[in-house]
C-alpha atoms as a PDB file:
ATOM      1  CA  MET A   1     118.851 122.157  96.231  1.00  0.00           C
ATOM      2  CA  THR A   2     117.495 121.494  99.743  1.00  0.00           C
ATOM      3  CA  VAL A   3     114.890 119.055  98.537  1.00  0.00           C
ATOM      4  CA  ALA A   4     117.490 117.229  96.412  1.00  0.00           C
ATOM      5  CA  LEU A   5     119.949 116.826  99.382  1.00  0.00           C
ATOM      6  CA  ALA A   6     117.009 115.776 101.698  1.00  0.00           C
ATOM      7  CA  ALA A   7     116.305 113.015  98.968  1.00  0.00           C
ATOM      8  CA  LEU A   8     119.726 112.130  98.538  1.00  0.00           C
ATOM      9  CA  ALA A   9     120.189 111.536 102.269  1.00  0.00           C
ATOM     10  CA  ALA A  10     116.869 109.326 102.414  1.00  0.00           C
ATOM     11  CA  ILE A  11     118.258 107.315  99.662  1.00  0.00           C
ATOM     12  CA  LEU A  12     121.685 106.828 101.354  1.00  0.00           C
ATOM     13  CA  MET A  13     120.126 105.930 104.559  1.00  0.00           C
ATOM     14  CA  VAL A  14     118.571 102.791 103.188  1.00  0.00           C
ATOM     15  CA  PRO A  15     122.027 100.993 102.473  1.00  0.00           C
ATOM     16  CA  GLY A  16     123.595 102.760 105.350  1.00  0.00           C
ATOM     17  CA  ALA A  17     121.247 101.073 107.650  1.00  0.00           C
ATOM     18  CA  SER A  18     122.314  97.815 106.418  1.00  0.00           C
ATOM     19  CA  LEU A  19     125.877  98.585 106.798  1.00  0.00           C
ATOM     20  CA  TYR A  20     125.351  99.950 110.191  1.00  0.00           C
ATOM     21  CA  TYR A  21     123.885  96.685 111.145  1.00  0.00           C
ATOM     22  CA  GLU A  22     126.468  94.352 109.612  1.00  0.00           C
ATOM     23  CA  SER A  23     129.529  96.284 110.357  1.00  0.00           C
ATOM     24  CA  GLY A  24     132.050  94.255 112.748  1.00  0.00           C
ATOM     25  CA  ALA A  25     130.301  90.998 111.521  1.00  0.00           C
ATOM     26  CA  GLY A  26     127.962  89.941 114.110  1.00  0.00           C
ATOM     27  CA  ALA A  27     128.975  92.109 116.997  1.00  0.00           C
ATOM     28  CA  GLY A  28     127.838  95.140 114.868  1.00  0.00           C
ATOM     29  CA  CYS A  29     124.222  94.099 115.162  1.00  0.00           C
ATOM     30  CA  THR A  30     124.436  94.472 119.135  1.00  0.00           C
ATOM     31  CA  ARG A  31     124.883  98.183 118.677  1.00  0.00           C
ATOM     32  CA  CYS A  32     120.986  98.320 118.885  1.00  0.00           C
ATOM     33  CA  HIS A  33     120.587  96.396 122.279  1.00  0.00           C
ATOM     34  CA  GLU A  34     117.570  94.677 121.289  1.00  0.00           C
ATOM     35  CA  MET A  35     119.668  92.524 119.062  1.00  0.00           C
ATOM     36  CA  ASN A  36     121.636  91.116 121.957  1.00  0.00           C
ATOM     37  CA  ALA A  37     119.559  88.043 122.769  1.00  0.00           C
ATOM     38  CA  SER A  38     119.779  87.041 119.175  1.00  0.00           C
ATOM     39  CA  TYR A  39     123.443  87.792 118.908  1.00  0.00           C
ATOM     40  CA  ASP A  40     124.133  85.796 121.991  1.00  0.00           C
ATOM     41  CA  MET A  41     122.156  82.761 120.987  1.00  0.00           C
ATOM     42  CA  TRP A  42     124.043  82.733 117.473  1.00  0.00           C
ATOM     43  CA  HIS A  43     127.425  83.324 118.879  1.00  0.00           C
ATOM     44  CA  GLY A  44     126.990  79.925 120.979  1.00  0.00           C
ATOM     45  CA  SER A  45     125.424  78.073 118.113  1.00  0.00           C
ATOM     46  CA  SER A  46     126.506  75.653 115.528  1.00  0.00           C
ATOM     47  CA  HIS A  47     126.134  78.459 113.039  1.00  0.00           C
ATOM     48  CA  ARG A  48     128.360  80.838 114.804  1.00  0.00           C
ATOM     49  CA  GLU A  49     130.977  81.110 111.880  1.00  0.00           C
ATOM     50  CA  VAL A  50     128.321  81.946 109.524  1.00  0.00           C
ATOM     51  CA  GLY A  51     128.018  85.728 109.642  1.00  0.00           C
ATOM     52  CA  CYS A  52     124.476  87.437 109.958  1.00  0.00           C
ATOM     53  CA  PRO A  53     124.520  88.693 106.120  1.00  0.00           C
ATOM     54  CA  GLU A  54     124.933  85.233 104.901  1.00  0.00           C
ATOM     55  CA  CYS A  55     121.610  84.314 106.399  1.00  0.00           C
ATOM     56  CA  HIS A  56     119.671  87.524 106.859  1.00  0.00           C
ATOM     57  CA  GLY A  57     121.149  89.692 103.813  1.00  0.00           C
ATOM     58  CA  GLY A  58     123.551  92.473 103.877  1.00  0.00           C
ATOM     59  CA  ALA A  59     124.545  95.951 102.267  1.00  0.00           C
ATOM     60  CA  PHE A  60     124.855  94.526  98.882  1.00  0.00           C
ATOM     61  CA  THR A  61     121.358  92.502  99.008  1.00  0.00           C
ATOM     62  CA  PRO A  62     119.820  93.517  95.496  1.00  0.00           C
ATOM     63  CA  GLU A  63     116.437  94.088  97.034  1.00  0.00           C
ATOM     64  CA  LEU A  64     115.028  97.659  97.847  1.00  0.00           C
ATOM     65  CA  ALA A  65     112.439  96.446 100.378  1.00  0.00           C
ATOM     66  CA  PHE A  66     115.185  94.535 102.588  1.00  0.00           C
ATOM     67  CA  HIS A  67     117.071  97.646 102.897  1.00  0.00           C
ATOM     68  CA  TRP A  68     113.960  99.920 103.597  1.00  0.00           C
ATOM     69  CA  ASN A  69     113.197  97.437 106.359  1.00  0.00           C
ATOM     70  CA  ASN A  70     116.560  97.900 108.024  1.00  0.00           C
ATOM     71  CA  ALA A  71     116.080 101.726 107.572  1.00  0.00           C
ATOM     72  CA  SER A  72     112.526 101.491 109.377  1.00  0.00           C
ATOM     73  CA  ARG A  73     114.150  99.663 112.119  1.00  0.00           C
ATOM     74  CA  VAL A  74     116.913 102.264 112.532  1.00  0.00           C
ATOM     75  CA  TYR A  75     114.212 104.826 112.592  1.00  0.00           C
ATOM     76  CA  TYR A  76     111.948 103.233 115.391  1.00  0.00           C
ATOM     77  CA  HIS A  77     115.198 102.420 117.521  1.00  0.00           C
ATOM     78  CA  LEU A  78     116.143 106.153 117.382  1.00  0.00           C
ATOM     79  CA  ARG A  79     112.710 107.227 118.329  1.00  0.00           C
ATOM     80  CA  GLY A  80     112.888 104.592 121.335  1.00  0.00           C
ATOM     81  CA  GLU A  81     110.289 102.338 119.849  1.00  0.00           C
ATOM     82  CA  VAL A  82     111.970  99.300 120.682  1.00  0.00           C
ATOM     83  CA  PRO A  83     110.221  95.964 120.393  1.00  0.00           C
ATOM     84  CA  ALA A  84     110.360  93.593 123.437  1.00  0.00           C
ATOM     85  CA  GLN A  85     111.720  90.751 121.391  1.00  0.00           C
ATOM     86  CA  ILE A  86     112.878  90.576 117.873  1.00  0.00           C
ATOM     87  CA  ARG A  87     110.650  88.635 115.543  1.00  0.00           C
ATOM     88  CA  ILE A  88     111.542  87.398 111.917  1.00  0.00           C
ATOM     89  CA  ARG A  89     108.753  88.042 109.454  1.00  0.00           C
ATOM     90  CA  ASN A  90     107.235  85.141 107.346  1.00  0.00           C
ATOM     91  CA  ILE A  91     108.643  86.732 104.198  1.00  0.00           C
ATOM     92  CA  ASP A  92     111.918  86.804 105.741  1.00  0.00           C
ATOM     93  CA  VAL A  93     111.694  83.189 106.702  1.00  0.00           C
ATOM     94  CA  LEU A  94     110.824  82.132 103.390  1.00  0.00           C
ATOM     95  CA  LYS A  95     113.748  84.122 101.855  1.00  0.00           C
ATOM     96  CA  MET A  96     116.147  82.685 104.149  1.00  0.00           C
ATOM     97  CA  VAL A  97     115.295  79.031 102.650  1.00  0.00           C
ATOM     98  CA  GLU A  98     116.852  80.065  99.617  1.00  0.00           C
ATOM     99  CA  ARG A  99     119.868  81.090 101.411  1.00  0.00           C
ATOM    100  CA  CYS A 100     120.053  77.764 103.431  1.00  0.00           C
ATOM    101  CA  GLN A 101     120.601  75.972 100.050  1.00  0.00           C
ATOM    102  CA  GLU A 102     123.979  77.825  99.590  1.00  0.00           C
ATOM    103  CA  CYS A 103     125.534  75.404 102.286  1.00  0.00           C
ATOM    104  CA  HIS A 104     123.032  72.735 102.534  1.00  0.00           C
ATOM    105  CA  ARG A 105     122.740  71.967  98.623  1.00  0.00           C
ATOM    106  CA  GLN A 106     121.964  67.970  99.301  1.00  0.00           C
ATOM    107  CA  GLU A 107     119.612  68.821 102.112  1.00  0.00           C
ATOM    108  CA  TYR A 108     117.779  71.357 100.137  1.00  0.00           C
ATOM    109  CA  ALA A 109     117.439  69.326  97.038  1.00  0.00           C
ATOM    110  CA  GLN A 110     115.887  66.392  99.034  1.00  0.00           C
ATOM    111  CA  TRP A 111     113.664  68.572 101.074  1.00  0.00           C
ATOM    112  CA  ARG A 112     112.224  70.308  97.739  1.00  0.00           C
ATOM    113  CA  ALA A 113     111.706  66.961  96.315  1.00  0.00           C
ATOM    114  CA  GLY A 114     109.779  65.836  99.122  1.00  0.00           C
ATOM    115  CA  PRO A 115     106.376  66.275 100.600  1.00  0.00           C
ATOM    116  CA  HIS A 116     107.396  68.810 103.296  1.00  0.00           C
ATOM    117  CA  SER A 117     108.187  71.465 100.768  1.00  0.00           C
ATOM    118  CA  ALA A 118     104.409  71.730  99.860  1.00  0.00           C
ATOM    119  CA  ASP A 119     103.425  75.173  99.007  1.00  0.00           C
ATOM    120  CA  TYR A 120     100.407  77.342 100.246  1.00  0.00           C
ATOM    121  CA  SER A 121      98.221  76.521  97.307  1.00  0.00           C
ATOM    122  CA  ARG A 122      98.936  72.939  97.578  1.00  0.00           C
ATOM    123  CA  ILE A 123      97.810  72.792 101.426  1.00  0.00           C
ATOM    124  CA  PHE A 124      95.125  75.101 101.551  1.00  0.00           C
ATOM    125  CA  THR A 125      92.966  74.644  98.234  1.00  0.00           C
ATOM    126  CA  ASP A 126      93.025  70.967  98.383  1.00  0.00           C
ATOM    127  CA  LYS A 127      89.518  69.798  97.228  1.00  0.00           C
ATOM    128  CA  THR A 128      89.792  66.377  98.890  1.00  0.00           C
ATOM    129  CA  HIS A 129      91.334  67.561 102.176  1.00  0.00           C
ATOM    130  CA  ASN A 130      88.758  70.748 102.394  1.00  0.00           C
ATOM    131  CA  THR A 131      85.746  68.696 101.774  1.00  0.00           C
ATOM    132  CA  ASN A 132      86.470  66.175 104.512  1.00  0.00           C
ATOM    133  CA  ARG A 133      87.937  68.513 107.139  1.00  0.00           C
ATOM    134  CA  LEU A 134      86.951  72.174 108.067  1.00  0.00           C
ATOM    135  CA  LEU A 135      90.018  74.562 107.610  1.00  0.00           C
ATOM    136  CA  MET A 136      90.865  76.255 110.895  1.00  0.00           C
ATOM    137  CA  ASP A 137      93.653  78.107 112.416  1.00  0.00           C
ATOM    138  CA  ASP A 138      94.934  75.009 113.909  1.00  0.00           C
ATOM    139  CA  CYS A 139      95.908  73.845 110.632  1.00  0.00           C
ATOM    140  CA  LEU A 140      98.787  76.667 110.679  1.00  0.00           C
ATOM    141  CA  ARG A 141     100.065  74.997 113.668  1.00  0.00           C
ATOM    142  CA  CYS A 142     101.969  72.770 111.000  1.00  0.00           C
ATOM    143  CA  HIS A 143     101.279  74.388 107.695  1.00  0.00           C
ATOM    144  CA  GLY A 144     102.428  78.054 107.683  1.00  0.00           C
ATOM    145  CA  MET A 145     103.458  78.345 111.331  1.00  0.00           C
ATOM    146  CA  HIS A 146     105.223  81.533 110.554  1.00  0.00           C
ATOM    147  CA  TYR A 147     102.624  83.224 108.844  1.00  0.00           C
ATOM    148  CA  GLU A 148     101.243  86.305 110.609  1.00  0.00           C
ATOM    149  CA  GLY A 149      97.442  86.183 110.933  1.00  0.00           C
ATOM    150  CA  GLY A 150      94.688  83.827 111.065  1.00  0.00           C
ATOM    151  CA  ILE A 151      93.203  81.229 108.516  1.00  0.00           C
ATOM    152  CA  GLN A 152      90.259  83.681 107.633  1.00  0.00           C
ATOM    153  CA  GLU A 153      92.949  86.037 106.392  1.00  0.00           C
ATOM    154  CA  LEU A 154      94.681  83.486 104.185  1.00  0.00           C
ATOM    155  CA  VAL A 155      91.936  81.317 102.489  1.00  0.00           C
ATOM    156  CA  SER A 156      88.279  81.615 101.671  1.00  0.00           C
ATOM    157  CA  PRO A 157      85.582  80.216 102.016  1.00  0.00           C
ATOM    158  CA  LEU A 158      86.109  78.667 105.323  1.00  0.00           C
ATOM    159  CA  ASP A 159      83.477  75.800 104.665  1.00  0.00           C
ATOM    160  CA  ARG A 160      83.454  72.422 102.957  1.00  0.00           C
ATOM    161  CA  SER A 161      81.815  73.436  99.835  1.00  0.00           C
ATOM    162  CA  GLY A 162      84.268  75.676  98.137  1.00  0.00           C
ATOM    163  CA  PRO A 163      85.655  76.427  95.767  1.00  0.00           C
ATOM    164  CA  TRP A 164      88.896  77.702  97.671  1.00  0.00           C
ATOM    165  CA  ARG A 165      90.983  80.358  96.908  1.00  0.00           C
ATOM    166  CA  LEU A 166      94.164  81.878  98.690  1.00  0.00           C
ATOM    167  CA  LEU A 167      93.654  85.683  99.772  1.00  0.00           C
ATOM    168  CA  ARG A 168      97.274  85.978  99.923  1.00  0.00           C
ATOM    169  CA  THR A 169      98.046  85.153  96.381  1.00  0.00           C
ATOM    170  CA  GLU A 170     101.855  86.019  96.730  1.00  0.00           C
ATOM    171  CA  LEU A 171     102.155  82.937  98.872  1.00  0.00           C
ATOM    172  CA  ALA A 172     100.698  80.387  96.433  1.00  0.00           C
ATOM    173  CA  GLY A 173     104.086  79.066  95.323  1.00  0.00           C
ATOM    174  CA  ARG A 174     105.720  79.379  98.874  1.00  0.00           C
ATOM    175  CA  PRO A 175     106.548  76.517 101.092  1.00  0.00           C
ATOM    176  CA  THR A 176     104.249  76.044 104.116  1.00  0.00           C
ATOM    177  CA  MET A 177     107.027  74.173 105.848  1.00  0.00           C
ATOM    178  CA  PRO A 178     110.292  75.938 105.395  1.00  0.00           C
ATOM    179  CA  CYS A 179     113.692  74.973 107.079  1.00  0.00           C
ATOM    180  CA  LEU A 180     113.081  77.005 110.273  1.00  0.00           C
ATOM    181  CA  THR A 181     109.892  74.659 110.845  1.00  0.00           C
ATOM    182  CA  CYS A 182     112.204  71.958 112.153  1.00  0.00           C
ATOM    183  CA  HIS A 183     115.476  73.863 112.699  1.00  0.00           C
ATOM    184  CA  GLY A 184     116.294  76.555 115.056  1.00  0.00           C
ATOM    185  CA  VAL A 185     119.561  77.801 113.643  1.00  0.00           C
ATOM    186  CA  HIS A 186     120.679  79.718 116.680  1.00  0.00           C
ATOM    187  CA  ARG A 187     120.326  76.785 118.915  1.00  0.00           C
ATOM    188  CA  HIS A 188     123.402  76.499 121.374  1.00  0.00           C
ATOM    189  CA  GLY A 189     125.624  73.607 120.076  1.00  0.00           C
ATOM    190  CA  PRO A 190     129.216  72.883 118.809  1.00  0.00           C
ATOM    191  CA  LEU A 191     130.396  73.052 115.340  1.00  0.00           C
ATOM    192  CA  LEU A 192     130.068  70.083 113.018  1.00  0.00           C
ATOM    193  CA  ARG A 193     133.267  67.984 113.502  1.00  0.00           C
ATOM    194  CA  LYS A 194     134.861  66.117 110.531  1.00  0.00           C
ATOM    195  CA  ALA A 195     134.972  62.147 110.972  1.00  0.00           C
ATOM    196  CA  GLY A 196     138.132  60.421 110.353  1.00  0.00           C
ATOM    197  CA  VAL A 197     141.153  58.603 111.706  1.00  0.00           C
ATOM    198  CA  ASP A 198     142.165  61.865 113.753  1.00  0.00           C
ATOM    199  CA  GLY A 199     138.642  62.853 114.685  1.00  0.00           C
ATOM    200  CA  ARG A 200     136.953  59.587 115.116  1.00  0.00           C
ATOM    201  CA  VAL A 201     134.220  59.405 117.694  1.00  0.00           C
ATOM    202  CA  GLU A 202     132.849  56.009 119.074  1.00  0.00           C
ATOM    203  CA  GLY A 203     129.482  54.974 118.195  1.00  0.00           C
ATOM    204  CA  PRO A 204     127.646  55.596 121.541  1.00  0.00           C
ATOM    205  CA  LYS A 205     129.229  59.111 121.663  1.00  0.00           C
ATOM    206  CA  GLN A 206     128.357  59.990 118.176  1.00  0.00           C
ATOM    207  CA  GLU A 207     125.523  62.763 117.920  1.00  0.00           C
ATOM    208  CA  LEU A 208     122.075  61.490 116.627  1.00  0.00           C
ATOM    209  CA  ASN A 209     121.096  64.974 115.477  1.00  0.00           C
ATOM    210  CA  ARG A 210     122.259  68.335 115.144  1.00  0.00           C
ATOM    211  CA  PRO A 211     121.623  70.902 117.897  1.00  0.00           C
ATOM    212  CA  SER A 212     119.543  73.081 115.486  1.00  0.00           C
ATOM    213  CA  LEU A 213     116.741  70.290 115.313  1.00  0.00           C
ATOM    214  CA  ALA A 214     113.850  71.923 117.181  1.00  0.00           C
ATOM    215  CA  PHE A 215     110.290  72.525 116.532  1.00  0.00           C
ATOM    216  CA  TYR A 216     108.854  76.215 116.140  1.00  0.00           C
ATOM    217  CA  ASP A 217     105.843  76.702 118.284  1.00  0.00           C
ATOM    218  CA  ARG A 218     103.501  79.232 116.548  1.00  0.00           C
ATOM    219  CA  ARG A 219     101.927  80.369 119.765  1.00  0.00           C
ATOM    220  CA  THR A 220     105.172  81.334 121.529  1.00  0.00           C
ATOM    221  CA  GLN A 221     107.155  82.078 118.322  1.00  0.00           C
ATOM    222  CA  SER A 222     110.064  80.276 119.582  1.00  0.00           C
ATOM    223  CA  HIS A 223     111.848  76.858 118.876  1.00  0.00           C
ATOM    224  CA  ILE A 224     111.421  74.026 121.364  1.00  0.00           C
ATOM    225  CA  PRO A 225     114.712  71.802 121.340  1.00  0.00           C
ATOM    226  CA  VAL A 226     113.989  68.213 120.176  1.00  0.00           C
ATOM    227  CA  ALA A 227     115.309  66.945 123.486  1.00  0.00           C
ATOM    228  CA  ALA A 228     112.405  69.063 125.382  1.00  0.00           C
ATOM    229  CA  LEU A 229     109.556  67.406 123.165  1.00  0.00           C
ATOM    230  CA  PRO A 230     108.052  64.368 124.670  1.00  0.00           C
ATOM    231  CA  LEU A 231     107.447  60.971 122.888  1.00  0.00           C
ATOM    232  CA  PRO A 232     103.862  60.021 123.178  1.00  0.00           C
ATOM    233  CA  GLU A 233     102.628  56.622 125.047  1.00  0.00           C
ATOM    234  CA  MET A 234     100.667  55.059 122.266  1.00  0.00           C
ATOM    235  CA  LEU A 235      97.999  52.358 122.487  1.00  0.00           C
ATOM    236  CA  GLU A 236      96.529  49.941 120.270  1.00  0.00           C
ATOM    237  CA  GLY A 237      93.194  49.071 121.765  1.00  0.00           C
ATOM    238  CA  GLU A 238      94.208  48.774 125.523  1.00  0.00           C
ATOM    239  CA  ARG A 239      97.788  47.600 124.951  1.00  0.00           C
ATOM    240  CA  ALA A 240     100.552  49.941 125.395  1.00  0.00           C
ATOM    241  CA  VAL A 241     102.763  50.051 122.141  1.00  0.00           C
ATOM    242  CA  ARG A 242     106.400  49.447 122.152  1.00  0.00           C
ATOM    243  CA  MET A 243     108.097  52.717 120.898  1.00  0.00           C
ATOM    244  CA  SER A 244     111.506  53.383 119.640  1.00  0.00           C
ATOM    245  CA  ARG A 245     113.775  55.286 121.811  1.00  0.00           C
ATOM    246  CA  ASP A 246     114.720  57.616 119.029  1.00  0.00           C
ATOM    247  CA  GLN A 247     114.202  61.032 120.465  1.00  0.00           C
ATOM    248  CA  ARG A 248     114.097  62.731 116.837  1.00  0.00           C
ATOM    249  CA  GLN A 249     110.709  61.102 116.529  1.00  0.00           C
ATOM    250  CA  ALA A 250     109.315  63.662 119.051  1.00  0.00           C
ATOM    251  CA  LEU A 251     109.505  66.151 116.236  1.00  0.00           C
ATOM    252  CA  CYS A 252     107.501  64.045 113.971  1.00  0.00           C
ATOM    253  CA  TYR A 253     104.768  63.644 116.355  1.00  0.00           C
ATOM    254  CA  GLN A 254     104.116  67.339 116.673  1.00  0.00           C
ATOM    255  CA  CYS A 255     102.406  67.224 113.572  1.00  0.00           C
ATOM    256  CA  HIS A 256     101.900  63.576 112.790  1.00  0.00           C
ATOM    257  CA  ALA A 257      99.799  63.200 116.014  1.00  0.00           C
ATOM    258  CA  ALA A 258      97.015  60.885 117.249  1.00  0.00           C
ATOM    259  CA  GLU A 259      93.705  62.019 118.743  1.00  0.00           C
ATOM    260  CA  ALA A 260      93.236  62.500 122.463  1.00  0.00           C
ATOM    261  CA  SER A 261      92.806  58.485 122.656  1.00  0.00           C
ATOM    262  CA  ARG A 262      96.085  57.896 121.630  1.00  0.00           C
ATOM    263  CA  GLN A 263      95.021  55.296 119.312  1.00  0.00           C
ATOM    264  CA  VAL A 264      97.480  54.123 116.805  1.00  0.00           C
ATOM    265  CA  GLY A 265      96.409  55.453 113.443  1.00  0.00           C
ATOM    266  CA  SER A 266      93.917  57.897 114.766  1.00  0.00           C
ATOM    267  CA  GLY A 267      94.322  61.555 113.396  1.00  0.00           C
ATOM    268  CA  ASP A 268      97.692  61.971 111.519  1.00  0.00           C
ATOM    269  CA  ASP A 269      99.355  59.231 113.520  1.00  0.00           C
ATOM    270  CA  ARG A 270     101.636  56.780 111.676  1.00  0.00           C
ATOM    271  CA  THR A 271     103.034  54.875 114.843  1.00  0.00           C
ATOM    272  CA  ALA A 272     104.396  51.471 113.534  1.00  0.00           C
ATOM    273  CA  VAL A 273     102.654  48.250 114.821  1.00  0.00           C
ATOM    274  CA  GLY A 274     102.498  44.832 113.790  1.00  0.00           C
ATOM    275  CA  VAL A 275     105.700  43.593 112.089  1.00  0.00           C
ATOM    276  CA  HIS A 276     107.264  46.910 112.421  1.00  0.00           C
ATOM    277  CA  GLU A 277     106.443  47.786 116.143  1.00  0.00           C
ATOM    278  CA  GLY A 278     109.273  49.455 117.805  1.00  0.00           C
ATOM    279  CA  ILE A 279     110.912  50.858 114.645  1.00  0.00           C
ATOM    280  CA  SER A 280     111.906  54.530 114.481  1.00  0.00           C
ATOM    281  CA  CYS A 281     110.154  56.810 111.918  1.00  0.00           C
ATOM    282  CA  LEU A 282     113.799  57.700 110.694  1.00  0.00           C
ATOM    283  CA  SER A 283     114.583  53.912 110.131  1.00  0.00           C
ATOM    284  CA  CYS A 284     112.220  54.106 106.764  1.00  0.00           C
ATOM    285  CA  HIS A 285     111.893  57.644 105.987  1.00  0.00           C
ATOM    286  CA  LEU A 286     114.992  59.622 104.607  1.00  0.00           C
ATOM    287  CA  LYS A 287     115.344  62.931 106.913  1.00  0.00           C
ATOM    288  CA  HIS A 288     114.795  65.813 104.451  1.00  0.00           C
ATOM    289  CA  GLY A 289     113.285  64.159 101.378  1.00  0.00           C
ATOM    290  CA  GLN A 290     111.012  61.414 103.234  1.00  0.00           C
ATOM    291  CA  LYS A 291     112.042  58.834 100.376  1.00  0.00           C
ATOM    292  CA  THR A 292     111.559  55.147 101.516  1.00  0.00           C
ATOM    293  CA  ARG A 293     112.952  53.320  98.510  1.00  0.00           C
ATOM    294  CA  ALA A 294     115.948  51.740 100.522  1.00  0.00           C
ATOM    295  CA  SER A 295     114.231  51.045 103.564  1.00  0.00           C
ATOM    296  CA  CYS A 296     113.316  47.404 102.936  1.00  0.00           C
ATOM    297  CA  ALA A 297     116.621  46.503 101.940  1.00  0.00           C
ATOM    298  CA  GLU A 298     118.135  48.138 105.145  1.00  0.00           C
ATOM    299  CA  CYS A 299     116.786  45.520 107.460  1.00  0.00           C
ATOM    300  CA  HIS A 300     116.006  42.660 104.646  1.00  0.00           C
ATOM    301  CA  PRO A 301     118.833  42.293 102.770  1.00  0.00           C
ATOM    302  CA  LYS A 302     117.088  39.591 100.515  1.00  0.00           C
ATOM    303  CA  MET A 303     114.165  37.800 102.199  1.00  0.00           C
ATOM    304  CA  SER A 304     111.438  38.060 104.920  1.00  0.00           C
ATOM    305  CA  ASN A 305     111.052  35.747 107.649  1.00  0.00           C
ATOM    306  CA  CYS A 306     108.606  33.606 105.429  1.00  0.00           C
ATOM    307  CA  GLY A 307     110.985  33.491 102.669  1.00  0.00           C
ATOM    308  CA  LEU A 308     109.660  35.942 100.443  1.00  0.00           C
ATOM    309  CA  GLU A 309     111.094  39.174  98.988  1.00  0.00           C
ATOM    310  CA  VAL A 310     109.490  41.892 101.173  1.00  0.00           C
ATOM    311  CA  GLU A 311     109.320  44.474  98.342  1.00  0.00           C
ATOM    312  CA  THR A 312     107.003  42.161  96.300  1.00  0.00           C
ATOM    313  CA  MET A 313     104.523  41.780  99.274  1.00  0.00           C
ATOM    314  CA  ASP A 314     100.982  43.341  99.030  1.00  0.00           C
ATOM    315  CA  THR A 315     101.655  46.191 101.050  1.00  0.00           C
ATOM    316  CA  THR A 316     101.351  50.053 100.559  1.00  0.00           C
ATOM    317  CA  PHE A 317     105.238  50.250 100.084  1.00  0.00           C
ATOM    318  CA  ARG A 318     104.562  48.392  96.812  1.00  0.00           C
ATOM    319  CA  SER A 319     101.336  50.129  96.059  1.00  0.00           C
ATOM    320  CA  ALA A 320      99.743  52.989  97.556  1.00  0.00           C
ATOM    321  CA  GLY A 321      96.152  51.202  96.749  1.00  0.00           C
ATOM    322  CA  SER A 322      97.225  48.353  98.896  1.00  0.00           C
ATOM    323  CA  LYS A 323      94.836  47.377 101.762  1.00  0.00           C
ATOM    324  CA  HIS A 324      97.815  46.582 103.900  1.00  0.00           C
ATOM    325  CA  ASN A 325      99.296  49.677 105.282  1.00  0.00           C
ATOM    326  CA  ILE A 326     102.873  49.269 105.691  1.00  0.00           C
ATOM    327  CA  HIS A 327     102.936  51.012 109.089  1.00  0.00           C
ATOM    328  CA  TRP A 328     100.383  48.387 110.690  1.00  0.00           C
ATOM    329  CA  VAL A 329     100.754  45.370 108.651  1.00  0.00           C
ATOM    330  CA  LYS A 330     100.714  42.113 110.471  1.00  0.00           C
ATOM    331  CA  CYS A 331     101.754  38.557 109.488  1.00  0.00           C
ATOM    332  CA  VAL A 332      98.035  37.476 110.185  1.00  0.00           C
ATOM    333  CA  ASP A 333      96.616  40.118 107.642  1.00  0.00           C
ATOM    334  CA  CYS A 334      98.123  37.821 104.870  1.00  0.00           C
ATOM    335  CA  HIS A 335      97.712  34.511 106.683  1.00  0.00           C
ATOM    336  CA  PRO A 336      94.272  34.866 108.289  1.00  0.00           C
ATOM    337  CA  LYS A 337      94.276  30.869 108.368  1.00  0.00           C
ATOM    338  CA  GLY A 338      97.279  30.877 110.272  1.00  0.00           C
ATOM    339  CA  VAL A 339     100.821  32.012 110.154  1.00  0.00           C
ATOM    340  CA  PRO A 340     103.334  29.372 108.615  1.00  0.00           C
ATOM    341  CA  LYS A 341     106.289  28.292 110.553  1.00  0.00           C
ATOM    342  CA  LYS A 342     109.673  30.145 109.670  1.00  0.00           C
ATOM    343  CA  LYS A 343     111.509  28.133 106.814  1.00  0.00           C
ATOM    344  CA  GLU A 344     114.704  26.942 107.762  1.00  0.00           C
ATOM    345  CA  ASN A 345     116.638  28.973 104.675  1.00  0.00           C
ATOM    346  CA  SER A 346     115.214  32.322 105.476  1.00  0.00           C
ATOM    347  CA  GLN A 347     117.199  34.805 107.055  1.00  0.00           C
ATOM    348  CA  PRO A 348     116.145  36.495 110.592  1.00  0.00           C
END
């Protein structure tokens, strides 16, 4: 009977710990003082009307590992073994992605259909990439930034010969760039306002991005708001490139970065020059899905400056095999003998 009662108490302690954490909505979490910092950030964020269980799970989450983890936290808390700062595990981050879609269905669908939802298998066992570039810990800066551990614990072998295989097979189909890569959901900011006649906001006063937009830094294990990220000063040879003032691009440059030379097109850089110099990344790339289908029509309703339909031109927009990269194409690339004068009936 004693053993049975002890076993029952242990079983009840698991969901009980979850109830303990979520009781009183978010304020219940602060009963463990190490949660105060996270609670204070959430309470002032644009997600403050979304309760903790909605994103992190609650007492009725049908997953034993989740409740056992909460019970373990209570156990270590009662023993006085309190962490200096609460860190969310990689597996919990990946599960949160599934919960994000409950409120952000369209954004989730776009992200899922785009290149930024690439999974661990796609990124770390790619033959073409691994043959040309040696896998290293710096890969995790953008691909798998929430992963605990180094590259040697994730994939083998670390050479250019292969064949490569994931050592953490449970991550094979998991995304390397989940929502928390570019969004800090506890970032301070106002709730999203409804636009309309009563709530109309003049163009210059409208927000360009949500407060959550931030880059997760693997080294410090914290989000850096997009306003604090610098826009690089890029060069084409010795010439300074004219850059768009769209601050959101600073987030793109954290991964799509040039080499130390700051030269356009070096490393993973995509800075636009030529006919598209000064245009923001997000003028052409749909935010979550990166789709570019409508990008030409946004600026070229019908014709280009030389009177041709831009979508039919020989660029990588029309065909990935084109030698004219849409990011760097110039008029002289197609007119080596001289750029013709602008036609009178062409649109600006």
